[in-house]
């Protein structure tokens, strides 16, 4: 879908055309390879893993404030591994429990209080200046 939208916006490269034509059930490795080739042909660099995780964390915070993500979806031990760089990232990650079943045990808060704290931290992160590469 995104590849077709990029084509409609005038980003026309051979790999992007191929990507737009791949079936929904294509092999994920083929999709990834074609995606990377389309980016290269367009002159777009992929962020490194660290930066990509920080972008994903910011996106999660934005989706949470927009009520697109529920509380249970925030619980994941994968976020504890993110190397945070800002106070806003740290505040948000600190409130994310390792799993949904551990919420009451790890936080010691009732769900409403936890959600209120998460909303505050998520808004702060989502409104913080854009993530950028480390230099």
C-alpha atoms as a PDB file:
ATOM      1  CA  UNK A   1       0.000   0.000   0.000  1.00  0.00           C
ATOM      2  CA  UNK A   2       2.734   2.442   0.948  1.00  0.00           C
ATOM      3  CA  UNK A   3       4.710   1.590  -2.183  1.00  0.00           C
ATOM      4  CA  UNK A   4       1.652   2.306  -4.348  1.00  0.00           C
ATOM      5  CA  UNK A   5       1.157   5.632  -2.545  1.00  0.00           C
ATOM      6  CA  UNK A   6       4.812   6.526  -3.137  1.00  0.00           C
ATOM      7  CA  UNK A   7       4.384   5.758  -6.835  1.00  0.00           C
ATOM      8  CA  UNK A   8       1.278   7.941  -6.944  1.00  0.00           C
ATOM      9  CA  UNK A   9       3.328  10.765  -5.418  1.00  0.00           C
ATOM     10  CA  UNK A  10       5.882  10.488  -8.233  1.00  0.00           C
ATOM     11  CA  UNK A  11       8.607   8.348  -6.640  1.00  0.00           C
ATOM     12  CA  UNK A  12       9.139   6.044  -9.596  1.00  0.00           C
ATOM     13  CA  UNK A  13      11.937   3.460  -9.395  1.00  0.00           C
ATOM     14  CA  UNK A  14      12.034  -0.109 -10.739  1.00  0.00           C
ATOM     15  CA  UNK A  15      12.204  -1.665  -7.268  1.00  0.00           C
ATOM     16  CA  UNK A  16       9.357   0.507  -6.000  1.00  0.00           C
ATOM     17  CA  UNK A  17       7.185  -0.691  -8.890  1.00  0.00           C
ATOM     18  CA  UNK A  18       8.138  -4.269  -8.067  1.00  0.00           C
ATOM     19  CA  UNK A  19       7.389  -3.705  -4.376  1.00  0.00           C
ATOM     20  CA  UNK A  20       3.970  -2.232  -5.145  1.00  0.00           C
ATOM     21  CA  UNK A  21       3.176  -5.317  -7.222  1.00  0.00           C
ATOM     22  CA  UNK A  22       4.186  -7.922  -4.651  1.00  0.00           C
ATOM     23  CA  UNK A  23       1.274  -9.977  -3.329  1.00  0.00           C
ATOM     24  CA  UNK A  24       0.192  -9.591   0.277  1.00  0.00           C
ATOM     25  CA  UNK A  25       1.420 -13.114   1.028  1.00  0.00           C
ATOM     26  CA  UNK A  26       4.879 -12.670  -0.505  1.00  0.00           C
ATOM     27  CA  UNK A  27       7.884 -14.009   1.336  1.00  0.00           C
ATOM     28  CA  UNK A  28       8.883 -11.418   3.975  1.00  0.00           C
ATOM     29  CA  UNK A  29      12.529 -11.722   2.893  1.00  0.00           C
ATOM     30  CA  UNK A  30      11.574 -10.797  -0.668  1.00  0.00           C
ATOM     31  CA  UNK A  31       9.570  -7.848   0.616  1.00  0.00           C
ATOM     32  CA  UNK A  32      12.476  -6.675   2.786  1.00  0.00           C
ATOM     33  CA  UNK A  33      15.038  -7.048  -0.024  1.00  0.00           C
ATOM     34  CA  UNK A  34      12.839  -5.218  -2.522  1.00  0.00           C
ATOM     35  CA  UNK A  35      12.037  -2.523   0.041  1.00  0.00           C
ATOM     36  CA  UNK A  36      15.734  -1.919   0.724  1.00  0.00           C
ATOM     37  CA  UNK A  37      16.460  -1.802  -3.014  1.00  0.00           C
ATOM     38  CA  UNK A  38      13.632   0.716  -3.529  1.00  0.00           C
ATOM     39  CA  UNK A  39      15.025   2.910  -0.765  1.00  0.00           C
ATOM     40  CA  UNK A  40      18.517   2.727  -2.255  1.00  0.00           C
ATOM     41  CA  UNK A  41      17.210   3.640  -5.719  1.00  0.00           C
ATOM     42  CA  UNK A  42      15.359   6.590  -4.151  1.00  0.00           C
ATOM     43  CA  UNK A  43      18.429   7.757  -2.230  1.00  0.00           C
ATOM     44  CA  UNK A  44      16.830   7.088   1.163  1.00  0.00           C
ATOM     45  CA  UNK A  45      18.976   5.647   3.942  1.00  0.00           C
ATOM     46  CA  UNK A  46      17.558   3.273   6.546  1.00  0.00           C
ATOM     47  CA  UNK A  47      18.217   4.379  10.128  1.00  0.00           C
ATOM     48  CA  UNK A  48      20.435   2.155  12.235  1.00  0.00           C
ATOM     49  CA  UNK A  49      18.738  -0.306  14.606  1.00  0.00           C
ATOM     50  CA  UNK A  50      19.141   1.958  17.642  1.00  0.00           C
ATOM     51  CA  UNK A  51      17.568   4.948  15.913  1.00  0.00           C
ATOM     52  CA  UNK A  52      14.799   2.824  14.391  1.00  0.00           C
ATOM     53  CA  UNK A  53      13.822   1.542  17.865  1.00  0.00           C
ATOM     54  CA  UNK A  54      13.674   5.112  19.171  1.00  0.00           C
ATOM     55  CA  UNK A  55      11.423   6.093  16.241  1.00  0.00           C
ATOM     56  CA  UNK A  56       9.219   3.080  17.027  1.00  0.00           C
ATOM     57  CA  UNK A  57       9.008   4.107  20.683  1.00  0.00           C
ATOM     58  CA  UNK A  58       7.927   7.628  19.704  1.00  0.00           C
ATOM     59  CA  UNK A  59       5.353   6.161  17.295  1.00  0.00           C
ATOM     60  CA  UNK A  60       4.020   3.914  20.066  1.00  0.00           C
ATOM     61  CA  UNK A  61       3.622   6.948  22.339  1.00  0.00           C
ATOM     62  CA  UNK A  62       1.779   8.844  19.586  1.00  0.00           C
ATOM     63  CA  UNK A  63      -0.511   5.903  18.875  1.00  0.00           C
ATOM     64  CA  UNK A  64      -1.233   5.531  22.598  1.00  0.00           C
ATOM     65  CA  UNK A  65      -2.204   9.189  22.989  1.00  0.00           C
ATOM     66  CA  UNK A  66      -4.471   8.817  19.938  1.00  0.00           C
ATOM     67  CA  UNK A  67      -6.093   5.753  21.593  1.00  0.00           C
ATOM     68  CA  UNK A  68      -4.964   3.491  18.733  1.00  0.00           C
ATOM     69  CA  UNK A  69      -3.093   1.215  21.180  1.00  0.00           C
ATOM     70  CA  UNK A  70      -4.494  -0.293  24.358  1.00  0.00           C
ATOM     71  CA  UNK A  71      -2.777  -0.686  27.708  1.00  0.00           C
ATOM     72  CA  UNK A  72      -2.115  -4.392  27.217  1.00  0.00           C
ATOM     73  CA  UNK A  73      -0.344  -3.691  23.917  1.00  0.00           C
ATOM     74  CA  UNK A  74       2.153  -1.450  25.702  1.00  0.00           C
ATOM     75  CA  UNK A  75       3.336  -4.271  27.936  1.00  0.00           C
ATOM     76  CA  UNK A  76       6.352  -5.884  26.324  1.00  0.00           C
ATOM     77  CA  UNK A  77       9.852  -6.662  27.483  1.00  0.00           C
ATOM     78  CA  UNK A  78      11.234  -5.514  24.126  1.00  0.00           C
ATOM     79  CA  UNK A  79      11.020  -1.861  25.206  1.00  0.00           C
ATOM     80  CA  UNK A  80      13.261  -2.389  28.222  1.00  0.00           C
ATOM     81  CA  UNK A  81      16.065  -3.099  25.738  1.00  0.00           C
ATOM     82  CA  UNK A  82      15.767   0.276  23.962  1.00  0.00           C
ATOM     83  CA  UNK A  83      18.701   2.589  24.579  1.00  0.00           C
ATOM     84  CA  UNK A  84      16.872   5.776  25.504  1.00  0.00           C
ATOM     85  CA  UNK A  85      18.601   9.123  25.117  1.00  0.00           C
ATOM     86  CA  UNK A  86      16.111  11.675  26.391  1.00  0.00           C
ATOM     87  CA  UNK A  87      14.273  12.222  29.659  1.00  0.00           C
ATOM     88  CA  UNK A  88      10.973  11.862  27.776  1.00  0.00           C
ATOM     89  CA  UNK A  89      11.966   8.459  26.398  1.00  0.00           C
ATOM     90  CA  UNK A  90      13.133   7.326  29.837  1.00  0.00           C
ATOM     91  CA  UNK A  91       9.913   8.473  31.541  1.00  0.00           C
ATOM     92  CA  UNK A  92       7.759   6.586  29.023  1.00  0.00           C
ATOM     93  CA  UNK A  93       9.846   3.384  29.029  1.00  0.00           C
ATOM     94  CA  UNK A  94       9.974   3.351  32.837  1.00  0.00           C
ATOM     95  CA  UNK A  95       6.184   3.001  32.916  1.00  0.00           C
ATOM     96  CA  UNK A  96       6.059   0.068  30.476  1.00  0.00           C
ATOM     97  CA  UNK A  97       5.816  -3.280  32.309  1.00  0.00           C
ATOM     98  CA  UNK A  98       7.465  -6.387  30.860  1.00  0.00           C
ATOM     99  CA  UNK A  99       4.128  -8.142  30.239  1.00  0.00           C
ATOM    100  CA  UNK A 100       0.399  -7.580  30.681  1.00  0.00           C
ATOM    101  CA  UNK A 101       0.087 -10.072  33.520  1.00  0.00           C
ATOM    102  CA  UNK A 102       2.763  -8.226  35.532  1.00  0.00           C
ATOM    103  CA  UNK A 103       1.115  -4.805  35.486  1.00  0.00           C
ATOM    104  CA  UNK A 104      -0.290  -4.846  39.018  1.00  0.00           C
ATOM    105  CA  UNK A 105       2.780  -6.574  40.455  1.00  0.00           C
ATOM    106  CA  UNK A 106       5.483  -4.450  38.844  1.00  0.00           C
ATOM    107  CA  UNK A 107       3.826  -1.059  39.104  1.00  0.00           C
ATOM    108  CA  UNK A 108       1.928  -1.115  42.372  1.00  0.00           C
ATOM    109  CA  UNK A 109      -0.634   1.228  40.812  1.00  0.00           C
ATOM    110  CA  UNK A 110      -4.225   0.839  39.921  1.00  0.00           C
ATOM    111  CA  UNK A 111      -4.884   0.740  36.192  1.00  0.00           C
ATOM    112  CA  UNK A 112      -6.440   4.229  36.025  1.00  0.00           C
ATOM    113  CA  UNK A 113      -3.455   5.838  37.765  1.00  0.00           C
ATOM    114  CA  UNK A 114      -1.043   3.950  35.528  1.00  0.00           C
ATOM    115  CA  UNK A 115      -2.918   4.991  32.390  1.00  0.00           C
ATOM    116  CA  UNK A 116      -2.932   8.635  33.518  1.00  0.00           C
ATOM    117  CA  UNK A 117       0.826   8.553  34.088  1.00  0.00           C
ATOM    118  CA  UNK A 118       1.357   6.847  30.734  1.00  0.00           C
ATOM    119  CA  UNK A 119      -0.752   9.466  28.946  1.00  0.00           C
ATOM    120  CA  UNK A 120       1.352  12.256  30.449  1.00  0.00           C
ATOM    121  CA  UNK A 121       4.632  10.534  29.553  1.00  0.00           C
ATOM    122  CA  UNK A 122       3.389   9.589  26.072  1.00  0.00           C
ATOM    123  CA  UNK A 123       2.272  13.156  25.303  1.00  0.00           C
ATOM    124  CA  UNK A 124       5.637  14.503  26.474  1.00  0.00           C
ATOM    125  CA  UNK A 125       7.500  12.026  24.267  1.00  0.00           C
ATOM    126  CA  UNK A 126       5.263  12.528  21.237  1.00  0.00           C
ATOM    127  CA  UNK A 127       5.614  16.315  21.459  1.00  0.00           C
ATOM    128  CA  UNK A 128       9.398  16.250  21.983  1.00  0.00           C
ATOM    129  CA  UNK A 129      11.533  17.266  18.976  1.00  0.00           C
ATOM    130  CA  UNK A 130      12.061  14.565  16.400  1.00  0.00           C
ATOM    131  CA  UNK A 131      14.536  11.779  17.028  1.00  0.00           C
ATOM    132  CA  UNK A 132      17.778  12.197  15.120  1.00  0.00           C
ATOM    133  CA  UNK A 133      20.943  10.246  14.495  1.00  0.00           C
ATOM    134  CA  UNK A 134      23.770  10.265  16.993  1.00  0.00           C
ATOM    135  CA  UNK A 135      26.891  12.119  15.930  1.00  0.00           C
END
